[in-house]
């Protein structure tokens, strides 16, 4: 049974009421199709922003609070969705996700819900990614590959040419279209990035492979190794601007709508 906007808003209030006593200063946002203005959905997408770097501990507290309130009936924490970024002290959890079954207040209707937790430093990117649609996100990720000139201009405006070698994260070569590139080592280079990679946590300067004609490929040779070397964005509008794009409001991100 579809979940109406009114029911999603009721669920949002229930989530906030259950987690407020945690004193974690959480920002809870209804994302997904709700934020895109859809009249109904089949699941509820909660985007949660925290200033606490120990996101694993925060998520455990959130889940317990939601269960104790009777709002969360069952859940599955998906380890594959736990992502890490490298900080001064090693790997730090940058986001985590819990898939749950919730009971909507008032109606008692049972439905699916996704809870995605991010650190506040990634808020702009998390909000953009978790708003969707999936097709819109895909178009945003591929934009830097086909728009080399515009991206290079944005990089030149935001990044100074290195005067000495900078440590970069060198990645494995893709063996197939769906293969995920992973860090294999770190090494310094004075070579400049020629593109960026948009993720749900950052806008990362990268060096992509090039064809003989100078066209950029999907494969990345190396990427920025630290958050300090990424392009910082406070808002969604900043992300669009950094990519050389006009801002697209959430209600126009449904790819089945002509805009």
Protein backbone atom coordinates (compact mmCIF):
# COMPACT_ATOMS: atom_id res chain seq x y z
CA UNK A 1 0.00 0.00 0.00
CA UNK A 2 1.42 3.43 -0.93
CA UNK A 3 2.49 5.74 1.88
CA UNK A 4 1.03 9.24 1.62
CA UNK A 5 2.94 12.46 2.25
CA UNK A 6 0.89 13.00 5.39
CA UNK A 7 1.92 9.57 6.69
CA UNK A 8 5.57 10.28 5.89
CA UNK A 9 5.36 13.56 7.80
CA UNK A 10 3.81 11.73 10.74
CA UNK A 11 6.66 9.20 10.62
CA UNK A 12 9.15 12.07 10.56
CA UNK A 13 7.64 13.52 13.74
CA UNK A 14 7.72 10.10 15.41
CA UNK A 15 11.39 9.63 14.50
CA UNK A 16 12.34 13.03 15.90
CA UNK A 17 10.34 12.50 19.10
CA UNK A 18 11.98 9.11 19.72
CA UNK A 19 15.53 10.32 19.11
CA UNK A 20 15.38 13.78 20.73
CA UNK A 21 16.27 12.43 24.22
CA UNK A 22 19.55 11.09 22.80
CA UNK A 23 20.98 14.64 22.92
CA UNK A 24 22.96 13.97 19.73
CA UNK A 25 21.76 17.14 17.97
CA UNK A 26 20.55 15.13 14.96
CA UNK A 27 19.11 16.71 11.83
CA UNK A 28 16.42 14.41 10.43
CA UNK A 29 15.32 15.00 6.82
CA UNK A 30 12.66 13.26 4.73
CA UNK A 31 14.56 12.54 1.53
CA UNK A 32 13.85 10.47 -1.58
CA UNK A 33 10.55 10.86 -3.40
CA UNK A 34 9.10 12.98 -0.59
CA UNK A 35 11.69 15.70 -1.12
CA UNK A 36 11.09 15.49 -4.88
CA UNK A 37 7.42 16.32 -4.26
CA UNK A 38 5.90 12.93 -5.06
CA UNK A 39 2.38 12.43 -3.61
CA UNK A 40 3.17 8.96 -2.26
CA UNK A 41 5.86 6.29 -1.99
CA UNK A 42 6.28 2.64 -1.07
CA UNK A 43 9.01 3.27 1.52
CA UNK A 44 10.21 6.16 3.65
CA UNK A 45 13.73 7.57 3.25
CA UNK A 46 15.22 9.18 6.35
CA UNK A 47 18.46 11.14 5.97
CA UNK A 48 20.10 11.77 9.34
CA UNK A 49 22.98 14.22 9.85
CA UNK A 50 25.20 14.09 12.94
CA UNK A 51 28.15 16.12 14.20
CA UNK A 52 29.51 13.06 16.00
CA UNK A 53 32.27 11.27 14.08
CA UNK A 54 31.48 7.94 15.75
CA UNK A 55 28.55 7.25 13.42
CA UNK A 56 28.47 3.55 14.24
CA UNK A 57 27.76 4.30 17.89
CA UNK A 58 25.21 6.97 17.00
CA UNK A 59 23.34 4.60 14.69
CA UNK A 60 23.12 1.96 17.43
CA UNK A 61 21.59 4.56 19.77
CA UNK A 62 19.11 5.65 17.10
CA UNK A 63 17.99 2.08 16.38
CA UNK A 64 17.49 1.32 20.08
CA UNK A 65 15.49 4.52 20.62
CA UNK A 66 13.25 3.79 17.63
CA UNK A 67 12.69 0.21 18.79
CA UNK A 68 11.93 1.26 22.37
CA UNK A 69 9.31 3.72 21.06
CA UNK A 70 7.57 0.98 19.03
CA UNK A 71 8.21 2.85 15.79
CA UNK A 72 10.87 0.45 14.44
CA UNK A 73 9.64 -3.15 14.30
CA UNK A 74 12.65 -4.85 12.74
CA UNK A 75 15.84 -3.89 10.94
CA UNK A 76 18.86 -5.04 8.98
CA UNK A 77 22.12 -3.12 9.10
CA UNK A 78 23.79 -3.45 5.73
CA UNK A 79 27.54 -3.70 6.11
CA UNK A 80 28.06 -3.10 2.39
CA UNK A 81 26.63 0.39 2.81
CA UNK A 82 29.13 1.33 5.53
CA UNK A 83 31.65 3.64 3.89
CA UNK A 84 34.94 4.91 5.19
CA UNK A 85 37.01 8.02 4.65
CA UNK A 86 40.60 8.43 5.77
CA UNK A 87 41.36 10.87 8.55
CA UNK A 88 44.49 11.67 10.54
CA UNK A 89 43.94 8.64 12.76
CA UNK A 90 43.10 6.15 10.00
CA UNK A 91 39.74 5.03 8.70
CA UNK A 92 36.67 6.87 9.98
CA UNK A 93 33.11 5.79 9.27
CA UNK A 94 31.65 8.35 6.85
CA UNK A 95 28.14 6.93 6.46
CA UNK A 96 26.06 3.93 7.40
CA UNK A 97 22.63 2.59 6.52
CA UNK A 98 19.91 0.60 8.23
CA UNK A 99 16.95 -0.90 6.39
CA UNK A 100 13.92 -1.23 8.63
CA UNK A 101 10.26 -2.05 8.98
CA UNK A 102 8.27 0.69 10.71
CA UNK A 103 4.73 1.13 11.99
CA UNK A 104 3.24 4.44 10.90
CA UNK A 105 1.67 6.46 13.72
CA UNK A 106 -2.10 6.78 13.66
CA UNK A 107 -2.96 4.38 10.85
CA UNK A 108 -0.81 1.52 12.13
CA UNK A 109 0.26 0.80 8.56
CA UNK A 110 3.50 -1.17 8.29
CA UNK A 111 6.05 -0.21 5.60
CA UNK A 112 9.74 -0.23 4.69
CA UNK A 113 12.08 2.56 5.70
CA UNK A 114 15.73 3.34 5.06
CA UNK A 115 17.79 5.23 7.63
CA UNK A 116 21.01 6.75 6.26
CA UNK A 117 23.38 8.46 8.66
CA UNK A 118 26.17 10.87 7.61
CA UNK A 119 28.58 13.22 9.28
CA UNK A 120 27.65 16.88 8.88
CA UNK A 121 30.77 17.55 6.80
CA UNK A 122 29.12 15.55 3.99
CA UNK A 123 25.65 17.10 4.35
CA UNK A 124 25.44 18.77 0.93
CA UNK A 125 26.53 15.65 -0.95
CA UNK A 126 24.37 13.32 1.15
CA UNK A 127 21.30 15.50 0.63
CA UNK A 128 21.85 15.61 -3.13
CA UNK A 129 22.41 11.85 -3.42
CA UNK A 130 19.56 10.77 -1.15
CA UNK A 131 17.05 13.06 -2.84
CA UNK A 132 17.45 11.24 -6.18
CA UNK A 133 16.08 10.27 -8.51
CA UNK A 134 18.44 7.40 -9.36
CA UNK A 135 18.53 8.54 -13.00
CA UNK A 136 19.26 12.12 -11.98
CA UNK A 137 22.10 10.97 -9.70
CA UNK A 138 23.57 8.92 -12.53
CA UNK A 139 23.49 11.95 -14.84
CA UNK A 140 25.24 14.05 -12.19
CA UNK A 141 27.99 11.47 -11.72
CA UNK A 142 28.64 11.18 -15.46
CA UNK A 143 28.62 14.95 -16.08
CA UNK A 144 32.31 15.50 -15.15
CA UNK A 145 33.42 12.85 -17.65
CA UNK A 146 31.77 14.46 -20.66
CA UNK A 147 32.31 18.10 -19.69
CA UNK A 148 36.09 18.29 -19.37
CA UNK A 149 36.45 21.98 -20.21
CA UNK A 150 33.86 23.14 -17.67
CA UNK A 151 35.21 20.90 -14.91
CA UNK A 152 38.79 21.98 -15.56
CA UNK A 153 37.71 25.61 -15.25
CA UNK A 154 36.02 24.85 -11.93
CA UNK A 155 39.13 23.05 -10.69
CA UNK A 156 41.35 25.96 -11.69
CA UNK A 157 39.12 28.36 -9.76
CA UNK A 158 39.08 26.24 -6.60
CA UNK A 159 42.48 24.56 -6.50
CA UNK A 160 45.94 26.07 -6.72
CA UNK A 161 48.54 24.29 -8.81
CA UNK A 162 50.72 22.24 -6.43
CA UNK A 163 54.18 23.68 -5.89
CA UNK A 164 55.43 20.33 -4.58
CA UNK A 165 54.29 16.70 -4.85
CA UNK A 166 51.01 15.84 -3.12
CA UNK A 167 50.08 12.42 -1.74
CA UNK A 168 47.37 10.79 -3.88
CA UNK A 169 45.41 7.56 -3.60
CA UNK A 170 46.24 5.34 -6.60
CA UNK A 171 43.45 2.98 -7.61
CA UNK A 172 43.18 -0.50 -9.12
CA UNK A 173 42.31 -0.78 -12.80
CA UNK A 174 38.75 -1.79 -13.69
CA UNK A 175 38.61 -5.32 -15.08
CA UNK A 176 34.96 -5.03 -16.10
CA UNK A 177 32.29 -2.33 -16.43
CA UNK A 178 30.85 -3.05 -12.99
CA UNK A 179 34.18 -3.54 -11.23
CA UNK A 180 34.78 -1.22 -8.27
CA UNK A 181 38.11 0.58 -8.18
CA UNK A 182 39.95 0.34 -4.86
CA UNK A 183 42.99 2.00 -3.38
CA UNK A 184 46.13 -0.07 -3.91
CA UNK A 185 48.78 2.35 -2.65
CA UNK A 186 49.57 6.00 -1.92
CA UNK A 187 52.25 7.98 -3.64
CA UNK A 188 53.14 11.61 -4.17
CA UNK A 189 52.73 13.32 -7.54
CA UNK A 190 52.77 16.90 -8.77
CA UNK A 191 50.36 16.01 -11.57
CA UNK A 192 47.14 18.03 -11.47
CA UNK A 193 43.64 16.50 -11.40
CA UNK A 194 41.78 16.59 -14.72
CA UNK A 195 38.30 15.78 -13.38
CA UNK A 196 36.23 15.19 -10.25
CA UNK A 197 34.25 12.29 -8.82
CA UNK A 198 30.91 13.03 -7.17
CA UNK A 199 29.92 10.69 -4.35
CA UNK A 200 27.36 10.83 -1.54
CA UNK A 201 30.07 12.10 0.83
CA UNK A 202 32.42 14.31 -1.21
CA UNK A 203 33.43 15.97 -4.47
CA UNK A 204 36.81 14.36 -5.07
CA UNK A 205 39.47 15.71 -7.46
CA UNK A 206 40.75 12.82 -9.62
CA UNK A 207 43.02 12.01 -12.53
CA UNK A 208 41.08 10.03 -15.13
CA UNK A 209 42.48 8.02 -17.98
CA UNK A 210 42.34 9.73 -21.37
CA UNK A 211 41.72 8.44 -24.86
CA UNK A 212 44.11 9.25 -27.71
CA UNK A 213 41.78 12.08 -28.67
CA UNK A 214 41.91 13.58 -25.20
CA UNK A 215 38.46 12.39 -24.09
CA UNK A 216 38.15 11.44 -20.44
CA UNK A 217 37.33 7.86 -19.48
CA UNK A 218 35.46 6.53 -16.45
CA UNK A 219 38.56 4.82 -15.06
CA UNK A 220 40.37 6.83 -12.38
CA UNK A 221 44.17 6.65 -12.06
CA UNK A 222 44.33 8.45 -8.73
CA UNK A 223 42.13 10.53 -6.45
CA UNK A 224 42.57 12.96 -3.57
CA UNK A 225 43.77 11.04 -0.53
CA UNK A 226 42.32 13.30 2.16
CA UNK A 227 39.26 15.39 2.84
CA UNK A 228 41.42 18.52 2.91
CA UNK A 229 42.19 18.00 -0.80
CA UNK A 230 38.52 17.64 -1.79
CA UNK A 231 36.26 20.45 -2.99
CA UNK A 232 34.26 21.67 -0.02
CA UNK A 233 30.56 22.48 -0.45
CA UNK A 234 28.20 23.70 2.26
CA UNK A 235 24.96 23.42 0.27
CA UNK A 236 23.47 21.60 -2.72
CA UNK A 237 23.72 24.86 -4.62
CA UNK A 238 27.47 24.86 -3.98
CA UNK A 239 27.77 21.36 -5.47
CA UNK A 240 25.99 22.37 -8.68
CA UNK A 241 28.14 25.51 -8.91
CA UNK A 242 31.34 23.50 -8.42
CA UNK A 243 30.28 21.30 -11.35
CA UNK A 244 29.52 24.33 -13.52
CA UNK A 245 25.78 23.62 -13.50
CA UNK A 246 22.68 25.67 -12.81
CA UNK A 247 20.89 24.57 -9.64
CA UNK A 248 18.06 22.09 -10.17
CA UNK A 249 15.46 22.14 -7.34
CA UNK A 250 14.35 18.77 -5.92
CA UNK A 251 10.92 18.75 -7.57
CA UNK A 252 12.59 18.91 -11.00
CA UNK A 253 14.87 15.93 -10.42
CA UNK A 254 12.30 13.34 -11.49
CA UNK A 255 13.79 12.24 -14.80
CA UNK A 256 10.37 11.33 -16.20
CA UNK A 257 9.51 15.04 -16.11
CA UNK A 258 10.65 17.31 -18.93
CA UNK A 259 12.75 20.16 -17.64
